[in-house]
Every structure is written in C-alpha cells, then in structure tokens.
Amino acid sequence: MIGYVYILECADGSYYTGSTKDISKRIRLHQGGLGANYTRRRLPVKLVYLEEFSRIDEAFYREKQIQGWSRKKKEALIEKNYDLLIELSKAYRDLF
C-alpha cells in the first residue's frame, strides 16, 4: 500500500510533518479542523512538501526522521536545496 509523508505550513508559519495512506483525505481533514491537535489551532494550513513511498511504514519512518530536523533543514528540503540539506546534515563534531 502506498504511503505519503507531507509537510504543512500552518497559519502561524510553523511546520507540521505527518504521514498517511490517503493524502487528499488527510489534507481535507487538516483544513476542516479534524486533523492533528497541532494544526487545529493553526488553521489554515498549506501543503508545502510531499514524498511518496511504496509502503506506509516507510513513510512513517521518514515522518519521524523529518520531525527531528531543525526548521532550517526542513526548509532546505521544502525548497529542494539539496546542497544546503547536506551541509545541515553534517554533525557538529565533524565541522572541526
């Protein structure tokens, strides 16, 4: 079963990362205030990033990975700035 990971930009400028099997339905739920508690208080939301996976468990794993990222790293992903994404992925200890 296909899975998706997505990033929404909320009305307050924050990002919400989620995963689902049905992206259209999930976006409608978020927009209707029936999605996650986080997005309910920050409507409207806008889809700014989407990845498709062949299995939902892969999308869930990717969701958890992205949720741990900094705002700058998420923005690099959204903007498809892969050079910056690689730079932001380097461990602090590897910079010296």
N, C-alpha and C. Protein backbone atom coordinates (compact mmCIF):
# COMPACT_ATOMS: atom_id res chain seq x y z
N MET A 1 0.84 -1.18 0.00
CA MET A 1 0.00 0.00 0.00
C MET A 1 0.89 1.25 0.00
N ILE A 2 0.55 2.20 -0.82
CA ILE A 2 1.31 3.44 -0.93
C ILE A 2 1.15 4.28 0.32
N GLY A 3 2.23 4.98 0.68
CA GLY A 3 2.20 5.90 1.81
C GLY A 3 2.82 7.23 1.41
N TYR A 4 2.45 8.24 2.14
CA TYR A 4 2.96 9.59 1.87
C TYR A 4 3.46 10.22 3.15
N VAL A 5 4.50 11.00 3.04
CA VAL A 5 4.91 11.88 4.13
C VAL A 5 4.74 13.30 3.58
N TYR A 6 4.27 14.19 4.44
CA TYR A 6 3.97 15.53 4.00
C TYR A 6 4.37 16.55 5.05
N ILE A 7 4.58 17.77 4.59
CA ILE A 7 4.83 18.88 5.49
C ILE A 7 3.80 19.96 5.16
N LEU A 8 3.14 20.43 6.21
CA LEU A 8 2.18 21.53 6.08
C LEU A 8 2.79 22.78 6.69
N GLU A 9 2.54 23.90 6.06
CA GLU A 9 2.87 25.18 6.67
C GLU A 9 1.59 25.71 7.30
N CYS A 10 1.65 26.00 8.58
CA CYS A 10 0.49 26.48 9.32
C CYS A 10 0.38 27.99 9.22
N ALA A 11 -0.77 28.52 9.59
CA ALA A 11 -1.03 29.96 9.51
C ALA A 11 -0.03 30.78 10.32
N ASP A 12 0.51 30.20 11.38
CA ASP A 12 1.49 30.93 12.20
C ASP A 12 2.92 30.79 11.69
N GLY A 13 3.08 30.12 10.53
CA GLY A 13 4.40 29.95 9.93
C GLY A 13 5.15 28.71 10.38
N SER A 14 4.59 27.97 11.32
CA SER A 14 5.23 26.74 11.79
C SER A 14 4.97 25.61 10.80
N TYR A 15 5.72 24.53 10.95
CA TYR A 15 5.57 23.36 10.09
C TYR A 15 5.02 22.17 10.87
N TYR A 16 4.21 21.39 10.18
CA TYR A 16 3.68 20.14 10.74
C TYR A 16 4.04 19.03 9.76
N THR A 17 4.63 17.96 10.26
CA THR A 17 5.00 16.81 9.42
C THR A 17 4.14 15.62 9.80
N GLY A 18 3.59 14.95 8.79
CA GLY A 18 2.74 13.79 9.03
C GLY A 18 2.91 12.75 7.95
N SER A 19 2.24 11.63 8.13
CA SER A 19 2.23 10.57 7.11
C SER A 19 0.82 10.01 7.01
N THR A 20 0.52 9.46 5.84
CA THR A 20 -0.84 8.97 5.59
C THR A 20 -0.85 8.02 4.41
N LYS A 21 -1.95 7.28 4.27
CA LYS A 21 -2.17 6.44 3.09
C LYS A 21 -3.00 7.17 2.04
N ASP A 22 -3.73 8.21 2.46
CA ASP A 22 -4.61 8.94 1.55
C ASP A 22 -4.37 10.44 1.74
N ILE A 23 -3.51 11.02 0.92
CA ILE A 23 -3.10 12.41 1.10
C ILE A 23 -4.25 13.39 0.91
N SER A 24 -5.10 13.18 -0.07
CA SER A 24 -6.21 14.10 -0.31
C SER A 24 -7.15 14.16 0.89
N LYS A 25 -7.51 13.00 1.40
CA LYS A 25 -8.40 12.94 2.56
C LYS A 25 -7.74 13.58 3.78
N ARG A 26 -6.46 13.31 3.98
CA ARG A 26 -5.76 13.83 5.15
C ARG A 26 -5.68 15.36 5.13
N ILE A 27 -5.41 15.93 3.96
CA ILE A 27 -5.36 17.38 3.84
C ILE A 27 -6.73 17.99 4.12
N ARG A 28 -7.78 17.36 3.59
CA ARG A 28 -9.15 17.84 3.86
C ARG A 28 -9.44 17.82 5.36
N LEU A 29 -9.01 16.77 6.04
CA LEU A 29 -9.23 16.68 7.49
C LEU A 29 -8.50 17.80 8.22
N HIS A 30 -7.25 18.02 7.85
CA HIS A 30 -6.49 19.12 8.48
C HIS A 30 -7.19 20.45 8.24
N GLN A 31 -7.56 20.72 7.00
CA GLN A 31 -8.19 22.00 6.66
C GLN A 31 -9.54 22.17 7.36
N GLY A 32 -10.22 21.08 7.59
CA GLY A 32 -11.53 21.12 8.25
C GLY A 32 -11.45 21.14 9.77
N GLY A 33 -10.24 21.19 10.31
CA GLY A 33 -10.07 21.22 11.75
C GLY A 33 -10.21 19.86 12.41
N LEU A 34 -10.17 18.80 11.61
CA LEU A 34 -10.32 17.44 12.13
C LEU A 34 -9.02 16.65 12.10
N GLY A 35 -7.92 17.34 11.78
CA GLY A 35 -6.61 16.70 11.74
C GLY A 35 -5.99 16.68 13.12
N ALA A 36 -4.70 16.79 13.17
CA ALA A 36 -3.97 16.77 14.43
C ALA A 36 -4.31 17.99 15.29
N ASN A 37 -4.21 17.82 16.60
CA ASN A 37 -4.45 18.94 17.52
C ASN A 37 -3.57 20.13 17.17
N TYR A 38 -2.33 19.87 16.76
CA TYR A 38 -1.40 20.94 16.44
C TYR A 38 -1.95 21.83 15.33
N THR A 39 -2.46 21.23 14.27
CA THR A 39 -2.93 22.02 13.13
C THR A 39 -4.29 22.66 13.39
N ARG A 40 -5.09 22.07 14.24
CA ARG A 40 -6.42 22.63 14.55
C ARG A 40 -6.33 24.06 15.06
N ARG A 41 -5.28 24.33 15.82
CA ARG A 41 -5.12 25.66 16.42
C ARG A 41 -4.35 26.61 15.50
N ARG A 42 -3.97 26.14 14.31
CA ARG A 42 -3.13 26.94 13.43
C ARG A 42 -3.65 26.97 11.99
N LEU A 43 -4.93 26.98 11.84
CA LEU A 43 -5.54 26.99 10.50
C LEU A 43 -5.50 28.38 9.90
N PRO A 44 -5.48 28.47 8.58
CA PRO A 44 -5.43 27.38 7.61
C PRO A 44 -4.01 26.84 7.46
N VAL A 45 -3.93 25.66 6.86
CA VAL A 45 -2.64 25.04 6.58
C VAL A 45 -2.48 24.91 5.07
N LYS A 46 -1.22 24.83 4.64
CA LYS A 46 -0.92 24.71 3.21
C LYS A 46 0.10 23.59 3.03
N LEU A 47 -0.17 22.70 2.09
CA LEU A 47 0.77 21.63 1.77
C LEU A 47 1.98 22.23 1.07
N VAL A 48 3.18 22.03 1.65
CA VAL A 48 4.39 22.60 1.06
C VAL A 48 5.40 21.53 0.63
N TYR A 49 5.18 20.27 1.05
CA TYR A 49 6.11 19.21 0.67
C TYR A 49 5.39 17.86 0.71
N LEU A 50 5.74 17.00 -0.23
CA LEU A 50 5.12 15.67 -0.32
C LEU A 50 6.12 14.67 -0.88
N GLU A 51 6.23 13.51 -0.24
CA GLU A 51 7.03 12.38 -0.73
C GLU A 51 6.12 11.16 -0.78
N GLU A 52 6.30 10.35 -1.79
CA GLU A 52 5.52 9.11 -1.93
C GLU A 52 6.42 7.91 -1.69
N PHE A 53 5.88 6.91 -1.01
CA PHE A 53 6.60 5.67 -0.71
C PHE A 53 5.76 4.48 -1.13
N SER A 54 6.41 3.38 -1.39
CA SER A 54 5.68 2.18 -1.82
C SER A 54 4.95 1.51 -0.65
N ARG A 55 5.37 1.85 0.59
CA ARG A 55 4.73 1.26 1.77
C ARG A 55 4.53 2.34 2.84
N ILE A 56 3.46 2.24 3.59
CA ILE A 56 3.14 3.22 4.61
C ILE A 56 4.17 3.21 5.74
N ASP A 57 4.73 2.06 6.06
CA ASP A 57 5.72 2.03 7.14
C ASP A 57 6.98 2.81 6.77
N GLU A 58 7.32 2.85 5.48
CA GLU A 58 8.46 3.66 5.04
C GLU A 58 8.15 5.15 5.20
N ALA A 59 6.92 5.53 4.89
CA ALA A 59 6.50 6.93 5.05
C ALA A 59 6.52 7.31 6.53
N PHE A 60 6.07 6.42 7.39
CA PHE A 60 6.05 6.68 8.83
C PHE A 60 7.47 6.87 9.36
N TYR A 61 8.39 6.03 8.91
CA TYR A 61 9.78 6.14 9.32
C TYR A 61 10.36 7.50 8.88
N ARG A 62 10.07 7.89 7.65
CA ARG A 62 10.55 9.17 7.13
C ARG A 62 9.92 10.34 7.90
N GLU A 63 8.66 10.22 8.25
CA GLU A 63 8.00 11.25 9.05
C GLU A 63 8.76 11.48 10.35
N LYS A 64 9.08 10.41 11.05
CA LYS A 64 9.79 10.52 12.33
C LYS A 64 11.17 11.14 12.13
N GLN A 65 11.82 10.79 11.02
CA GLN A 65 13.13 11.37 10.72
C GLN A 65 13.02 12.88 10.54
N ILE A 66 12.08 13.32 9.71
CA ILE A 66 11.92 14.75 9.42
C ILE A 66 11.48 15.52 10.66
N GLN A 67 10.64 14.92 11.48
CA GLN A 67 10.18 15.60 12.69
C GLN A 67 11.34 15.99 13.61
N GLY A 68 12.42 15.25 13.55
CA GLY A 68 13.58 15.55 14.39
C GLY A 68 14.50 16.62 13.82
N TRP A 69 14.18 17.11 12.63
CA TRP A 69 15.04 18.09 11.97
C TRP A 69 14.76 19.50 12.45
N SER A 70 15.77 20.35 12.27
CA SER A 70 15.61 21.77 12.56
C SER A 70 14.71 22.42 11.51
N ARG A 71 14.24 23.61 11.82
CA ARG A 71 13.43 24.36 10.87
C ARG A 71 14.21 24.63 9.58
N LYS A 72 15.48 25.01 9.72
CA LYS A 72 16.31 25.30 8.54
C LYS A 72 16.45 24.07 7.65
N LYS A 73 16.62 22.93 8.25
CA LYS A 73 16.77 21.70 7.47
C LYS A 73 15.46 21.35 6.76
N LYS A 74 14.33 21.53 7.44
CA LYS A 74 13.03 21.29 6.80
C LYS A 74 12.84 22.24 5.63
N GLU A 75 13.22 23.50 5.81
CA GLU A 75 13.07 24.48 4.73
C GLU A 75 13.96 24.14 3.54
N ALA A 76 15.15 23.63 3.79
CA ALA A 76 16.03 23.20 2.70
C ALA A 76 15.38 22.05 1.92
N LEU A 77 14.73 21.13 2.62
CA LEU A 77 14.02 20.02 1.97
C LEU A 77 12.85 20.55 1.14
N ILE A 78 12.05 21.43 1.74
CA ILE A 78 10.89 22.01 1.05
C ILE A 78 11.32 22.74 -0.21
N GLU A 79 12.42 23.48 -0.12
CA GLU A 79 12.92 24.28 -1.25
C GLU A 79 13.76 23.47 -2.23
N LYS A 80 13.94 22.17 -1.94
CA LYS A 80 14.77 21.27 -2.76
C LYS A 80 16.20 21.81 -2.90
N ASN A 81 16.68 22.43 -1.83
CA ASN A 81 18.05 22.94 -1.78
C ASN A 81 18.92 21.83 -1.19
N TYR A 82 19.28 20.86 -2.02
CA TYR A 82 19.95 19.66 -1.53
C TYR A 82 21.37 19.93 -1.06
N ASP A 83 22.05 20.94 -1.63
CA ASP A 83 23.39 21.29 -1.15
C ASP A 83 23.32 21.76 0.30
N LEU A 84 22.37 22.64 0.60
CA LEU A 84 22.20 23.11 1.97
C LEU A 84 21.74 21.98 2.88
N LEU A 85 20.88 21.13 2.38
CA LEU A 85 20.39 20.00 3.17
C LEU A 85 21.56 19.10 3.60
N ILE A 86 22.48 18.85 2.69
CA ILE A 86 23.67 18.05 3.01
C ILE A 86 24.52 18.76 4.05
N GLU A 87 24.71 20.06 3.88
CA GLU A 87 25.50 20.84 4.83
C GLU A 87 24.87 20.82 6.22
N LEU A 88 23.57 20.96 6.28
CA LEU A 88 22.87 20.96 7.57
C LEU A 88 22.82 19.58 8.20
N SER A 89 23.12 18.55 7.43
CA SER A 89 23.09 17.18 7.93
C SER A 89 24.40 16.76 8.58
N LYS A 90 25.43 17.57 8.40
CA LYS A 90 26.72 17.24 8.99
C LYS A 90 26.66 17.39 10.50
N ALA A 91 27.29 16.45 11.18
CA ALA A 91 27.34 16.51 12.63
C ALA A 91 28.26 17.65 13.06
N TYR A 92 27.91 18.32 14.12
CA TYR A 92 28.69 19.44 14.63
C TYR A 92 30.14 19.04 14.84
N ARG A 93 30.36 17.86 15.37
CA ARG A 93 31.72 17.39 15.68
C ARG A 93 32.56 17.21 14.42
N ASP A 94 31.89 17.03 13.26
CA ASP A 94 32.61 16.82 12.00
C ASP A 94 33.03 18.13 11.34
N LEU A 95 32.59 19.26 11.89
CA LEU A 95 32.89 20.55 11.29
C LEU A 95 34.26 21.08 11.68
N PHE A 96 34.88 20.46 12.67
CA PHE A 96 36.18 20.96 13.17
C PHE A 96 37.28 19.94 13.01
